[in-house]
Amino acid sequence: MRDGGSWLRGEFFSIMGLSNAGHTIIEVPLAKVTRRRAKVITGLRWYEDKLDALLDQVFKSSPFDL
């Protein structure tokens, strides 16, 4: 998946017949961490935060309900 402004993301949603309004969509963030040293920490922190939030959402939902 790409960010919200990417035409590729919009095309994927169109092909799959999905809309943000009518479906519960769980997206797993995939990231390429840049090789620029100043941004590596920021990129890794972003990825960790997004993945943690996704896991929290999944485990709080049925069938886990944790």
PDB file of N, CA and C in Angstrom:
ATOM      1  N   MET A   1       0.833  -1.182   0.000  1.00  0.00           N
ATOM      2  CA  MET A   1       0.000   0.000   0.000  1.00  0.00           C
ATOM      3  C   MET A   1       0.876   1.243   0.000  1.00  0.00           C
ATOM      4  N   ARG A   2       0.352   2.265  -0.570  1.00  0.00           N
ATOM      5  CA  ARG A   2       1.027   3.558  -0.602  1.00  0.00           C
ATOM      6  C   ARG A   2       0.254   4.518   0.280  1.00  0.00           C
ATOM      7  N   ASP A   3       0.808   5.713   0.453  1.00  0.00           N
ATOM      8  CA  ASP A   3       0.106   6.692   1.282  1.00  0.00           C
ATOM      9  C   ASP A   3      -1.172   7.149   0.586  1.00  0.00           C
ATOM     10  N   GLY A   4      -1.987   7.901   1.313  1.00  0.00           N
ATOM     11  CA  GLY A   4      -3.299   8.301   0.822  1.00  0.00           C
ATOM     12  C   GLY A   4      -3.302   9.085  -0.467  1.00  0.00           C
ATOM     13  N   GLY A   5      -2.214   9.793  -0.770  1.00  0.00           N
ATOM     14  CA  GLY A   5      -2.167  10.602  -1.979  1.00  0.00           C
ATOM     15  C   GLY A   5      -1.667   9.865  -3.203  1.00  0.00           C
ATOM     16  N   SER A   6      -1.338   8.612  -3.081  1.00  0.00           N
ATOM     17  CA  SER A   6      -0.765   7.865  -4.194  1.00  0.00           C
ATOM     18  C   SER A   6      -1.848   7.351  -5.131  1.00  0.00           C
ATOM     19  N   TRP A   7      -1.641   7.507  -6.421  1.00  0.00           N
ATOM     20  CA  TRP A   7      -2.616   6.995  -7.389  1.00  0.00           C
ATOM     21  C   TRP A   7      -2.629   5.468  -7.375  1.00  0.00           C
ATOM     22  N   LEU A   8      -1.508   4.832  -7.027  1.00  0.00           N
ATOM     23  CA  LEU A   8      -1.477   3.368  -6.968  1.00  0.00           C
ATOM     24  C   LEU A   8      -2.432   2.830  -5.906  1.00  0.00           C
ATOM     25  N   ARG A   9      -2.482   3.509  -4.780  1.00  0.00           N
ATOM     26  CA  ARG A   9      -3.381   3.095  -3.701  1.00  0.00           C
ATOM     27  C   ARG A   9      -4.830   3.228  -4.146  1.00  0.00           C
ATOM     28  N   GLY A  10      -5.148   4.353  -4.783  1.00  0.00           N
ATOM     29  CA  GLY A  10      -6.500   4.563  -5.296  1.00  0.00           C
ATOM     30  C   GLY A  10      -6.883   3.532  -6.343  1.00  0.00           C
ATOM     31  N   GLU A  11      -5.936   3.202  -7.200  1.00  0.00           N
ATOM     32  CA  GLU A  11      -6.175   2.189  -8.230  1.00  0.00           C
ATOM     33  C   GLU A  11      -6.439   0.819  -7.610  1.00  0.00           C
ATOM     34  N   PHE A  12      -5.672   0.475  -6.588  1.00  0.00           N
ATOM     35  CA  PHE A  12      -5.866  -0.802  -5.896  1.00  0.00           C
ATOM     36  C   PHE A  12      -7.267  -0.873  -5.287  1.00  0.00           C
ATOM     37  N   PHE A  13      -7.677   0.196  -4.610  1.00  0.00           N
ATOM     38  CA  PHE A  13      -9.009   0.227  -4.000  1.00  0.00           C
ATOM     39  C   PHE A  13     -10.092   0.113  -5.064  1.00  0.00           C
ATOM     40  N   SER A  14      -9.878   0.752  -6.204  1.00  0.00           N
ATOM     41  CA  SER A  14     -10.847   0.700  -7.288  1.00  0.00           C
ATOM     42  C   SER A  14     -10.959  -0.720  -7.855  1.00  0.00           C
ATOM     43  N   ILE A  15      -9.836  -1.357  -8.117  1.00  0.00           N
ATOM     44  CA  ILE A  15      -9.834  -2.713  -8.657  1.00  0.00           C
ATOM     45  C   ILE A  15     -10.509  -3.687  -7.690  1.00  0.00           C
ATOM     46  N   MET A  16     -10.246  -3.525  -6.400  1.00  0.00           N
ATOM     47  CA  MET A  16     -10.802  -4.432  -5.401  1.00  0.00           C
ATOM     48  C   MET A  16     -12.246  -4.076  -5.027  1.00  0.00           C
ATOM     49  N   GLY A  17     -12.746  -2.930  -5.523  1.00  0.00           N
ATOM     50  CA  GLY A  17     -14.118  -2.525  -5.217  1.00  0.00           C
ATOM     51  C   GLY A  17     -14.283  -2.075  -3.776  1.00  0.00           C
ATOM     52  N   LEU A  18     -13.260  -1.473  -3.218  1.00  0.00           N
ATOM     53  CA  LEU A  18     -13.286  -1.030  -1.818  1.00  0.00           C
ATOM     54  C   LEU A  18     -13.429   0.474  -1.728  1.00  0.00           C
ATOM     55  N   SER A  19     -14.066   0.927  -0.650  1.00  0.00           N
ATOM     56  CA  SER A  19     -14.098   2.348  -0.315  1.00  0.00           C
ATOM     57  C   SER A  19     -13.859   2.462   1.179  1.00  0.00           C
ATOM     58  N   ASN A  20     -13.235   3.525   1.585  1.00  0.00           N
ATOM     59  CA  ASN A  20     -12.971   3.717   3.013  1.00  0.00           C
ATOM     60  C   ASN A  20     -14.258   3.796   3.821  1.00  0.00           C
ATOM     61  N   ALA A  21     -15.324   4.312   3.226  1.00  0.00           N
ATOM     62  CA  ALA A  21     -16.574   4.517   3.956  1.00  0.00           C
ATOM     63  C   ALA A  21     -17.330   3.216   4.209  1.00  0.00           C
ATOM     64  N   GLY A  22     -17.278   2.280   3.263  1.00  0.00           N
ATOM     65  CA  GLY A  22     -18.118   1.116   3.370  1.00  0.00           C
ATOM     66  C   GLY A  22     -17.470  -0.142   3.891  1.00  0.00           C
ATOM     67  N   HIS A  23     -16.202  -0.106   4.180  1.00  0.00           N
ATOM     68  CA  HIS A  23     -15.501  -1.305   4.582  1.00  0.00           C
ATOM     69  C   HIS A  23     -14.597  -1.047   5.787  1.00  0.00           C
ATOM     70  N   THR A  24     -14.398  -2.065   6.579  1.00  0.00           N
ATOM     71  CA  THR A  24     -13.381  -2.016   7.622  1.00  0.00           C
ATOM     72  C   THR A  24     -12.108  -2.544   6.990  1.00  0.00           C
ATOM     73  N   ILE A  25     -11.135  -1.684   6.878  1.00  0.00           N
ATOM     74  CA  ILE A  25      -9.905  -2.033   6.186  1.00  0.00           C
ATOM     75  C   ILE A  25      -8.749  -1.982   7.161  1.00  0.00           C
ATOM     76  N   ILE A  26      -8.013  -3.068   7.241  1.00  0.00           N
ATOM     77  CA  ILE A  26      -6.812  -3.117   8.061  1.00  0.00           C
ATOM     78  C   ILE A  26      -5.635  -3.202   7.112  1.00  0.00           C
ATOM     79  N   GLU A  27      -4.776  -2.203   7.174  1.00  0.00           N
ATOM     80  CA  GLU A  27      -3.616  -2.165   6.299  1.00  0.00           C
ATOM     81  C   GLU A  27      -2.359  -2.424   7.115  1.00  0.00           C
ATOM     82  N   VAL A  28      -1.538  -3.321   6.630  1.00  0.00           N
ATOM     83  CA  VAL A  28      -0.253  -3.588   7.268  1.00  0.00           C
ATOM     84  C   VAL A  28       0.762  -2.650   6.632  1.00  0.00           C
ATOM     85  N   PRO A  29       1.355  -1.783   7.423  1.00  0.00           N
ATOM     86  CA  PRO A  29       2.314  -0.842   6.843  1.00  0.00           C
ATOM     87  C   PRO A  29       3.607  -1.546   6.455  1.00  0.00           C
ATOM     88  N   LEU A  30       3.999  -1.362   5.230  1.00  0.00           N
ATOM     89  CA  LEU A  30       5.280  -1.846   4.751  1.00  0.00           C
ATOM     90  C   LEU A  30       6.118  -0.610   4.450  1.00  0.00           C
ATOM     91  N   ALA A  31       7.336  -0.623   4.892  1.00  0.00           N
ATOM     92  CA  ALA A  31       8.146   0.582   4.744  1.00  0.00           C
ATOM     93  C   ALA A  31       9.536   0.240   4.264  1.00  0.00           C
ATOM     94  N   LYS A  32      10.077   1.142   3.483  1.00  0.00           N
ATOM     95  CA  LYS A  32      11.472   1.064   3.098  1.00  0.00           C
ATOM     96  C   LYS A  32      12.178   2.134   3.921  1.00  0.00           C
ATOM     97  N   VAL A  33      13.090   1.703   4.743  1.00  0.00           N
ATOM     98  CA  VAL A  33      13.806   2.657   5.583  1.00  0.00           C
ATOM     99  C   VAL A  33      14.945   3.229   4.760  1.00  0.00           C
ATOM    100  N   THR A  34      14.985   4.536   4.690  1.00  0.00           N
ATOM    101  CA  THR A  34      16.008   5.213   3.897  1.00  0.00           C
ATOM    102  C   THR A  34      17.409   4.945   4.448  1.00  0.00           C
ATOM    103  N   ARG A  35      18.371   5.074   3.605  1.00  0.00           N
ATOM    104  CA  ARG A  35      19.756   4.858   4.030  1.00  0.00           C
ATOM    105  C   ARG A  35      20.364   6.115   4.628  1.00  0.00           C
ATOM    106  N   ARG A  36      19.662   7.215   4.561  1.00  0.00           N
ATOM    107  CA  ARG A  36      20.181   8.448   5.162  1.00  0.00           C
ATOM    108  C   ARG A  36      20.136   8.311   6.668  1.00  0.00           C
ATOM    109  N   ARG A  37      21.268   8.386   7.275  1.00  0.00           N
ATOM    110  CA  ARG A  37      21.388   8.122   8.715  1.00  0.00           C
ATOM    111  C   ARG A  37      20.459   8.965   9.571  1.00  0.00           C
ATOM    112  N   ALA A  38      20.255  10.205   9.195  1.00  0.00           N
ATOM    113  CA  ALA A  38      19.417  11.090  10.013  1.00  0.00           C
ATOM    114  C   ALA A  38      17.964  10.628  10.036  1.00  0.00           C
ATOM    115  N   LYS A  39      17.516   9.905   9.011  1.00  0.00           N
ATOM    116  CA  LYS A  39      16.109   9.523   8.930  1.00  0.00           C
ATOM    117  C   LYS A  39      15.852   8.065   9.301  1.00  0.00           C
ATOM    118  N   VAL A  40      16.882   7.293   9.533  1.00  0.00           N
ATOM    119  CA  VAL A  40      16.695   5.875   9.859  1.00  0.00           C
ATOM    120  C   VAL A  40      15.915   5.719  11.158  1.00  0.00           C
ATOM    121  N   ILE A  41      16.291   6.441  12.195  1.00  0.00           N
ATOM    122  CA  ILE A  41      15.613   6.347  13.490  1.00  0.00           C
ATOM    123  C   ILE A  41      14.151   6.755  13.357  1.00  0.00           C
ATOM    124  N   THR A  42      13.897   7.836  12.628  1.00  0.00           N
ATOM    125  CA  THR A  42      12.528   8.309  12.432  1.00  0.00           C
ATOM    126  C   THR A  42      11.702   7.268  11.685  1.00  0.00           C
ATOM    127  N   GLY A  43      12.254   6.683  10.641  1.00  0.00           N
ATOM    128  CA  GLY A  43      11.548   5.677   9.868  1.00  0.00           C
ATOM    129  C   GLY A  43      11.258   4.425  10.681  1.00  0.00           C
ATOM    130  N   LEU A  44      12.225   3.973  11.450  1.00  0.00           N
ATOM    131  CA  LEU A  44      12.027   2.789  12.275  1.00  0.00           C
ATOM    132  C   LEU A  44      10.999   3.037  13.366  1.00  0.00           C
ATOM    133  N   ARG A  45      11.037   4.221  13.971  1.00  0.00           N
ATOM    134  CA  ARG A  45      10.060   4.562  15.014  1.00  0.00           C
ATOM    135  C   ARG A  45       8.651   4.603  14.424  1.00  0.00           C
ATOM    136  N   TRP A  46       8.500   5.200  13.225  1.00  0.00           N
ATOM    137  CA  TRP A  46       7.196   5.261  12.568  1.00  0.00           C
ATOM    138  C   TRP A  46       6.678   3.841  12.319  1.00  0.00           C
ATOM    139  N   TYR A  47       7.534   2.981  11.776  1.00  0.00           N
ATOM    140  CA  TYR A  47       7.120   1.614  11.457  1.00  0.00           C
ATOM    141  C   TYR A  47       6.703   0.866  12.717  1.00  0.00           C
ATOM    142  N   GLU A  48       7.492   1.003  13.762  1.00  0.00           N
ATOM    143  CA  GLU A  48       7.175   0.330  15.025  1.00  0.00           C
ATOM    144  C   GLU A  48       5.846   0.817  15.599  1.00  0.00           C
ATOM    145  N   ASP A  49       5.618   2.125  15.593  1.00  0.00           N
ATOM    146  CA  ASP A  49       4.369   2.693  16.118  1.00  0.00           C
ATOM    147  C   ASP A  49       3.159   2.201  15.330  1.00  0.00           C
ATOM    148  N   LYS A  50       3.255   2.201  13.998  1.00  0.00           N
ATOM    149  CA  LYS A  50       2.131   1.777  13.162  1.00  0.00           C
ATOM    150  C   LYS A  50       1.842   0.292  13.336  1.00  0.00           C
ATOM    151  N   LEU A  51       2.886  -0.511  13.410  1.00  0.00           N
ATOM    152  CA  LEU A  51       2.690  -1.945  13.579  1.00  0.00           C
ATOM    153  C   LEU A  51       2.121  -2.264  14.962  1.00  0.00           C
ATOM    154  N   ASP A  52       2.593  -1.567  15.998  1.00  0.00           N
ATOM    155  CA  ASP A  52       2.047  -1.752  17.346  1.00  0.00           C
ATOM    156  C   ASP A  52       0.560  -1.387  17.401  1.00  0.00           C
ATOM    157  N   ALA A  53       0.187  -0.281  16.752  1.00  0.00           N
ATOM    158  CA  ALA A  53      -1.220   0.130  16.738  1.00  0.00           C
ATOM    159  C   ALA A  53      -2.077  -0.907  16.016  1.00  0.00           C
ATOM    160  N   LEU A  54      -1.573  -1.453  14.927  1.00  0.00           N
ATOM    161  CA  LEU A  54      -2.305  -2.473  14.197  1.00  0.00           C
ATOM    162  C   LEU A  54      -2.493  -3.724  15.045  1.00  0.00           C
ATOM    163  N   LEU A  55      -1.448  -4.168  15.702  1.00  0.00           N
ATOM    164  CA  LEU A  55      -1.547  -5.357  16.551  1.00  0.00           C
ATOM    165  C   LEU A  55      -2.501  -5.128  17.712  1.00  0.00           C
ATOM    166  N   ASP A  56      -2.467  -3.941  18.309  1.00  0.00           N
ATOM    167  CA  ASP A  56      -3.418  -3.621  19.383  1.00  0.00           C
ATOM    168  C   ASP A  56      -4.855  -3.754  18.886  1.00  0.00           C
ATOM    169  N   GLN A  57      -5.121  -3.223  17.696  1.00  0.00           N
ATOM    170  CA  GLN A  57      -6.471  -3.276  17.129  1.00  0.00           C
ATOM    171  C   GLN A  57      -6.899  -4.719  16.884  1.00  0.00           C
ATOM    172  N   VAL A  58      -6.024  -5.523  16.328  1.00  0.00           N
ATOM    173  CA  VAL A  58      -6.359  -6.913  16.023  1.00  0.00           C
ATOM    174  C   VAL A  58      -6.621  -7.701  17.303  1.00  0.00           C
ATOM    175  N   PHE A  59      -5.764  -7.549  18.299  1.00  0.00           N
ATOM    176  CA  PHE A  59      -5.911  -8.334  19.521  1.00  0.00           C
ATOM    177  C   PHE A  59      -7.072  -7.887  20.402  1.00  0.00           C
ATOM    178  N   LYS A  60      -7.549  -6.665  20.213  1.00  0.00           N
ATOM    179  CA  LYS A  60      -8.716  -6.202  20.970  1.00  0.00           C
ATOM    180  C   LYS A  60     -10.022  -6.649  20.319  1.00  0.00           C
ATOM    181  N   SER A  61      -9.934  -7.138  19.091  1.00  0.00           N
ATOM    182  CA  SER A  61     -11.117  -7.559  18.340  1.00  0.00           C
ATOM    183  C   SER A  61     -11.353  -9.055  18.478  1.00  0.00           C
ATOM    184  N   SER A  62     -12.539  -9.482  18.094  1.00  0.00           N
ATOM    185  CA  SER A  62     -12.887 -10.896  18.093  1.00  0.00           C
ATOM    186  C   SER A  62     -12.022 -11.607  17.060  1.00  0.00           C
ATOM    187  N   PRO A  63     -11.538 -12.760  17.286  1.00  0.00           N
ATOM    188  CA  PRO A  63     -11.835 -13.711  18.343  1.00  0.00           C
ATOM    189  C   PRO A  63     -10.918 -13.580  19.547  1.00  0.00           C
ATOM    190  N   PHE A  64      -9.963 -12.664  19.515  1.00  0.00           N
ATOM    191  CA  PHE A  64      -8.988 -12.562  20.592  1.00  0.00           C
ATOM    192  C   PHE A  64      -9.554 -11.852  21.831  1.00  0.00           C
ATOM    193  N   ASP A  65     -10.137 -10.660  21.621  1.00  0.00           N
ATOM    194  CA  ASP A  65     -10.735  -9.874  22.704  1.00  0.00           C
ATOM    195  C   ASP A  65      -9.815  -9.744  23.922  1.00  0.00           C
ATOM    196  N   LEU A  66      -8.579  -9.431  23.672  1.00  0.00           N
ATOM    197  CA  LEU A  66      -7.625  -9.267  24.776  1.00  0.00           C
ATOM    198  C   LEU A  66      -7.565  -7.849  25.278  1.00  0.00           C
TER     199      LEU A  66
END
